[in-house]
Amino acid sequence: MKIRRLFVALMIAGAFALPATSKNINASNVTIVSIDAHTLVVSRTIKGKTELLHFILNTSTVLKGKLDVGSKVTVHYTTQHNENTATSIQSREPNPPPRDARLPK
């Protein structure tokens, strides 16, 4: 009987837990300030004010393109327990054309 009550209590508590919210940041004004294996810091400017946003990177974070300091990016992330965890980071820098499409030297 105690186990059943405990199970019901855990189910009710789980129903009130805050789910992770999914968000993304547009690349028009987002630039990488620093990046390493575990963290990403980007800056963005809104109405003339610049702010830094911090993200946690983990093994499930998808990284696309050349991600260097100064690159413009799009960041998809979730927020849970006041922490932003990046789910996907994509470079918005133009890719160089394929070797065949370049002008001959």
N, C-alpha and C. Protein backbone atom coordinates (compact mmCIF):
# COMPACT_ATOMS: atom_id res chain seq x y z
N MET A 1 0.82 -1.19 0.00
CA MET A 1 0.00 0.00 0.00
C MET A 1 0.87 1.26 0.00
N LYS A 2 1.96 1.25 0.77
CA LYS A 2 2.85 2.41 0.82
C LYS A 2 3.50 2.64 -0.54
N ILE A 3 3.83 1.56 -1.23
CA ILE A 3 4.46 1.69 -2.54
C ILE A 3 3.48 2.32 -3.53
N ARG A 4 2.23 1.93 -3.45
CA ARG A 4 1.22 2.48 -4.36
C ARG A 4 1.04 3.98 -4.11
N ARG A 5 1.00 4.39 -2.86
CA ARG A 5 0.87 5.81 -2.53
C ARG A 5 2.08 6.59 -3.02
N LEU A 6 3.25 6.02 -2.84
CA LEU A 6 4.47 6.66 -3.30
C LEU A 6 4.43 6.82 -4.83
N PHE A 7 4.01 5.77 -5.52
CA PHE A 7 3.91 5.82 -6.97
C PHE A 7 2.94 6.91 -7.42
N VAL A 8 1.79 6.99 -6.80
CA VAL A 8 0.79 8.00 -7.15
C VAL A 8 1.34 9.40 -6.86
N ALA A 9 2.02 9.56 -5.75
CA ALA A 9 2.60 10.86 -5.40
C ALA A 9 3.64 11.29 -6.43
N LEU A 10 4.47 10.34 -6.88
CA LEU A 10 5.48 10.66 -7.89
C LEU A 10 4.83 11.00 -9.22
N MET A 11 3.75 10.35 -9.58
CA MET A 11 3.06 10.64 -10.83
C MET A 11 2.47 12.05 -10.79
N ILE A 12 1.88 12.42 -9.66
CA ILE A 12 1.30 13.76 -9.52
C ILE A 12 2.41 14.81 -9.57
N ALA A 13 3.52 14.57 -8.89
CA ALA A 13 4.63 15.52 -8.89
C ALA A 13 5.20 15.68 -10.30
N GLY A 14 5.27 14.59 -11.05
CA GLY A 14 5.77 14.64 -12.42
C GLY A 14 4.87 15.46 -13.33
N ALA A 15 3.59 15.46 -13.05
CA ALA A 15 2.65 16.22 -13.87
C ALA A 15 2.87 17.73 -13.72
N PHE A 16 3.43 18.16 -12.59
CA PHE A 16 3.66 19.57 -12.36
C PHE A 16 5.10 20.00 -12.64
N ALA A 17 5.95 19.07 -13.06
CA ALA A 17 7.33 19.43 -13.39
C ALA A 17 7.34 20.32 -14.62
N LEU A 18 8.27 21.25 -14.64
CA LEU A 18 8.37 22.17 -15.77
C LEU A 18 9.04 21.47 -16.95
N PRO A 19 8.39 21.44 -18.11
CA PRO A 19 9.03 20.84 -19.27
C PRO A 19 10.10 21.77 -19.84
N ALA A 20 11.02 21.18 -20.59
CA ALA A 20 12.02 21.99 -21.26
C ALA A 20 11.35 22.75 -22.40
N THR A 21 11.65 24.02 -22.53
CA THR A 21 11.07 24.81 -23.60
C THR A 21 12.10 24.95 -24.72
N SER A 22 11.66 24.78 -25.94
CA SER A 22 12.54 24.84 -27.09
C SER A 22 12.50 26.23 -27.71
N LYS A 23 13.67 26.77 -28.04
CA LYS A 23 13.76 28.11 -28.60
C LYS A 23 14.85 28.14 -29.67
N ASN A 24 14.89 29.20 -30.44
CA ASN A 24 16.00 29.41 -31.34
C ASN A 24 16.30 30.91 -31.43
N ILE A 25 17.53 31.21 -31.86
CA ILE A 25 17.98 32.59 -31.99
C ILE A 25 18.28 32.82 -33.46
N ASN A 26 17.78 33.90 -34.01
CA ASN A 26 18.01 34.25 -35.40
C ASN A 26 19.46 34.68 -35.61
N ALA A 27 19.97 34.42 -36.80
CA ALA A 27 21.39 34.67 -37.08
C ALA A 27 21.68 36.09 -37.53
N SER A 28 20.68 36.91 -37.73
CA SER A 28 20.93 38.23 -38.30
C SER A 28 21.85 39.09 -37.44
N ASN A 29 21.87 38.87 -36.15
CA ASN A 29 22.72 39.69 -35.29
C ASN A 29 23.35 38.87 -34.17
N VAL A 30 23.61 37.57 -34.42
CA VAL A 30 24.18 36.69 -33.39
C VAL A 30 25.57 36.26 -33.84
N THR A 31 26.57 36.54 -32.99
CA THR A 31 27.96 36.26 -33.32
C THR A 31 28.61 35.48 -32.19
N ILE A 32 29.43 34.49 -32.55
CA ILE A 32 30.14 33.69 -31.54
C ILE A 32 31.22 34.55 -30.89
N VAL A 33 31.19 34.60 -29.56
CA VAL A 33 32.22 35.30 -28.77
C VAL A 33 33.27 34.30 -28.32
N SER A 34 32.82 33.11 -27.85
CA SER A 34 33.75 32.04 -27.48
C SER A 34 33.04 30.71 -27.61
N ILE A 35 33.83 29.68 -27.91
CA ILE A 35 33.29 28.33 -28.05
C ILE A 35 34.38 27.34 -27.66
N ASP A 36 33.98 26.32 -26.89
CA ASP A 36 34.88 25.21 -26.57
C ASP A 36 34.05 23.93 -26.54
N ALA A 37 34.58 22.86 -26.02
CA ALA A 37 33.89 21.57 -26.06
C ALA A 37 32.63 21.54 -25.20
N HIS A 38 32.51 22.44 -24.23
CA HIS A 38 31.38 22.37 -23.30
C HIS A 38 30.50 23.61 -23.26
N THR A 39 30.98 24.74 -23.77
CA THR A 39 30.21 25.98 -23.68
C THR A 39 30.28 26.79 -24.96
N LEU A 40 29.24 27.58 -25.17
CA LEU A 40 29.18 28.53 -26.28
C LEU A 40 28.68 29.84 -25.71
N VAL A 41 29.34 30.93 -26.09
CA VAL A 41 28.90 32.26 -25.71
C VAL A 41 28.71 33.05 -27.00
N VAL A 42 27.51 33.62 -27.17
CA VAL A 42 27.23 34.44 -28.35
C VAL A 42 26.79 35.81 -27.89
N SER A 43 26.97 36.79 -28.78
CA SER A 43 26.47 38.13 -28.49
C SER A 43 25.40 38.45 -29.51
N ARG A 44 24.40 39.19 -29.06
CA ARG A 44 23.37 39.66 -29.98
C ARG A 44 23.01 41.08 -29.60
N THR A 45 22.59 41.84 -30.59
CA THR A 45 22.22 43.23 -30.38
C THR A 45 20.75 43.40 -30.69
N ILE A 46 20.02 43.92 -29.72
CA ILE A 46 18.59 44.19 -29.89
C ILE A 46 18.35 45.64 -29.48
N LYS A 47 17.82 46.42 -30.42
CA LYS A 47 17.52 47.84 -30.19
C LYS A 47 18.72 48.59 -29.64
N GLY A 48 19.90 48.30 -30.20
CA GLY A 48 21.11 49.01 -29.82
C GLY A 48 21.79 48.49 -28.56
N LYS A 49 21.22 47.50 -27.90
CA LYS A 49 21.83 46.95 -26.69
C LYS A 49 22.39 45.57 -26.98
N THR A 50 23.65 45.37 -26.62
CA THR A 50 24.31 44.08 -26.84
C THR A 50 24.23 43.26 -25.56
N GLU A 51 23.89 41.97 -25.73
CA GLU A 51 23.84 41.07 -24.58
C GLU A 51 24.57 39.78 -24.93
N LEU A 52 25.14 39.14 -23.91
CA LEU A 52 25.81 37.86 -24.07
C LEU A 52 24.87 36.75 -23.63
N LEU A 53 24.81 35.69 -24.41
CA LEU A 53 24.01 34.52 -24.07
C LEU A 53 24.94 33.32 -23.94
N HIS A 54 24.75 32.54 -22.89
CA HIS A 54 25.60 31.39 -22.59
C HIS A 54 24.81 30.10 -22.83
N PHE A 55 25.46 29.11 -23.45
CA PHE A 55 24.84 27.84 -23.74
C PHE A 55 25.75 26.70 -23.31
N ILE A 56 25.13 25.61 -22.88
CA ILE A 56 25.85 24.38 -22.56
C ILE A 56 25.85 23.51 -23.81
N LEU A 57 27.00 22.93 -24.15
CA LEU A 57 27.09 21.98 -25.25
C LEU A 57 27.25 20.59 -24.65
N ASN A 58 26.59 19.60 -25.26
CA ASN A 58 26.74 18.22 -24.78
C ASN A 58 26.91 17.30 -25.98
N THR A 59 26.93 16.00 -25.74
CA THR A 59 27.19 15.05 -26.82
C THR A 59 26.07 15.00 -27.85
N SER A 60 24.88 15.46 -27.51
CA SER A 60 23.78 15.44 -28.47
C SER A 60 23.63 16.77 -29.23
N THR A 61 24.47 17.76 -28.94
CA THR A 61 24.43 19.02 -29.67
C THR A 61 24.94 18.81 -31.09
N VAL A 62 24.15 19.21 -32.08
CA VAL A 62 24.53 19.08 -33.49
C VAL A 62 25.25 20.35 -33.93
N LEU A 63 26.46 20.18 -34.45
CA LEU A 63 27.27 21.31 -34.90
C LEU A 63 27.38 21.25 -36.42
N LYS A 64 26.99 22.34 -37.10
CA LYS A 64 27.02 22.37 -38.57
C LYS A 64 27.78 23.58 -39.06
N GLY A 65 28.73 23.36 -39.96
CA GLY A 65 29.47 24.45 -40.55
C GLY A 65 30.70 24.82 -39.75
N LYS A 66 31.33 25.91 -40.19
CA LYS A 66 32.55 26.41 -39.55
C LYS A 66 32.14 27.30 -38.38
N LEU A 67 32.43 26.85 -37.17
CA LEU A 67 32.03 27.57 -35.96
C LEU A 67 33.28 28.13 -35.28
N ASP A 68 33.62 29.34 -35.63
CA ASP A 68 34.78 30.02 -35.06
C ASP A 68 34.32 31.31 -34.40
N VAL A 69 35.18 31.88 -33.57
CA VAL A 69 34.90 33.18 -32.96
C VAL A 69 34.69 34.19 -34.09
N GLY A 70 33.60 34.94 -34.00
CA GLY A 70 33.26 35.93 -35.01
C GLY A 70 32.26 35.44 -36.05
N SER A 71 32.00 34.10 -36.09
CA SER A 71 31.05 33.56 -37.06
C SER A 71 29.62 33.90 -36.66
N LYS A 72 28.79 34.17 -37.65
CA LYS A 72 27.36 34.37 -37.41
C LYS A 72 26.72 32.99 -37.40
N VAL A 73 25.80 32.77 -36.45
CA VAL A 73 25.21 31.44 -36.26
C VAL A 73 23.73 31.52 -35.95
N THR A 74 23.07 30.38 -36.13
CA THR A 74 21.73 30.16 -35.62
C THR A 74 21.86 29.12 -34.52
N VAL A 75 21.26 29.39 -33.37
CA VAL A 75 21.33 28.47 -32.23
C VAL A 75 19.92 28.02 -31.89
N HIS A 76 19.72 26.71 -31.86
CA HIS A 76 18.48 26.13 -31.34
C HIS A 76 18.83 25.59 -29.96
N TYR A 77 17.96 25.83 -28.99
CA TYR A 77 18.30 25.42 -27.64
C TYR A 77 17.05 25.16 -26.82
N THR A 78 17.25 24.50 -25.68
CA THR A 78 16.18 24.30 -24.72
C THR A 78 16.60 24.97 -23.42
N THR A 79 15.61 25.39 -22.66
CA THR A 79 15.87 25.99 -21.36
C THR A 79 15.19 25.15 -20.30
N GLN A 80 15.97 24.72 -19.34
CA GLN A 80 15.43 23.96 -18.23
C GLN A 80 16.26 24.29 -16.99
N HIS A 81 15.59 24.58 -15.91
CA HIS A 81 16.26 24.95 -14.64
C HIS A 81 17.19 26.15 -14.86
N ASN A 82 16.73 27.14 -15.63
CA ASN A 82 17.47 28.37 -15.91
C ASN A 82 18.80 28.13 -16.61
N GLU A 83 18.96 27.01 -17.33
CA GLU A 83 20.16 26.73 -18.10
C GLU A 83 19.78 26.55 -19.56
N ASN A 84 20.52 27.18 -20.46
CA ASN A 84 20.30 27.04 -21.89
C ASN A 84 21.21 25.94 -22.41
N THR A 85 20.62 24.88 -22.97
CA THR A 85 21.38 23.79 -23.54
C THR A 85 21.19 23.81 -25.05
N ALA A 86 22.27 23.99 -25.78
CA ALA A 86 22.20 24.06 -27.25
C ALA A 86 21.89 22.68 -27.80
N THR A 87 20.88 22.60 -28.67
CA THR A 87 20.56 21.35 -29.35
C THR A 87 21.15 21.33 -30.74
N SER A 88 21.31 22.51 -31.34
CA SER A 88 21.87 22.62 -32.70
C SER A 88 22.47 24.00 -32.88
N ILE A 89 23.65 24.03 -33.51
CA ILE A 89 24.32 25.29 -33.84
C ILE A 89 24.72 25.20 -35.30
N GLN A 90 24.28 26.18 -36.09
CA GLN A 90 24.58 26.16 -37.52
C GLN A 90 25.21 27.48 -37.94
N SER A 91 26.33 27.38 -38.64
CA SER A 91 27.00 28.56 -39.16
C SER A 91 26.15 29.19 -40.25
N ARG A 92 26.09 30.52 -40.27
CA ARG A 92 25.36 31.23 -41.31
C ARG A 92 26.32 31.85 -42.32
N GLU A 93 27.60 31.55 -42.19
CA GLU A 93 28.60 32.05 -43.13
C GLU A 93 28.41 31.33 -44.46
N PRO A 94 28.59 32.04 -45.57
CA PRO A 94 28.45 31.37 -46.88
C PRO A 94 29.54 30.32 -47.07
N ASN A 95 29.15 29.18 -47.61
CA ASN A 95 30.11 28.11 -47.90
C ASN A 95 30.86 28.46 -49.18
N PRO A 96 32.14 28.08 -49.26
CA PRO A 96 32.86 28.31 -50.51
C PRO A 96 32.27 27.43 -51.61
N PRO A 97 32.32 27.87 -52.85
CA PRO A 97 31.77 27.07 -53.93
C PRO A 97 32.55 25.77 -54.09
N PRO A 98 31.94 24.72 -54.66
CA PRO A 98 32.68 23.46 -54.89
C PRO A 98 33.89 23.72 -55.79
N ARG A 99 34.88 22.92 -55.68
CA ARG A 99 36.13 23.12 -56.42
C ARG A 99 35.88 23.22 -57.93
N ASP A 100 34.97 22.42 -58.47
CA ASP A 100 34.67 22.42 -59.91
C ASP A 100 34.05 23.72 -60.36
N ALA A 101 33.35 24.42 -59.47
CA ALA A 101 32.64 25.65 -59.84
C ALA A 101 33.53 26.88 -59.80
N ARG A 102 34.74 26.75 -59.28
CA ARG A 102 35.64 27.90 -59.20
C ARG A 102 36.20 28.23 -60.58
N LEU A 103 36.58 29.46 -60.75
CA LEU A 103 37.17 29.87 -62.00
C LEU A 103 38.54 29.22 -62.18
N PRO A 104 38.86 28.79 -63.39
CA PRO A 104 40.19 28.20 -63.62
C PRO A 104 41.29 29.24 -63.46
N LYS A 105 42.42 28.80 -63.01
CA LYS A 105 43.56 29.70 -62.80
C LYS A 105 44.39 29.81 -64.04
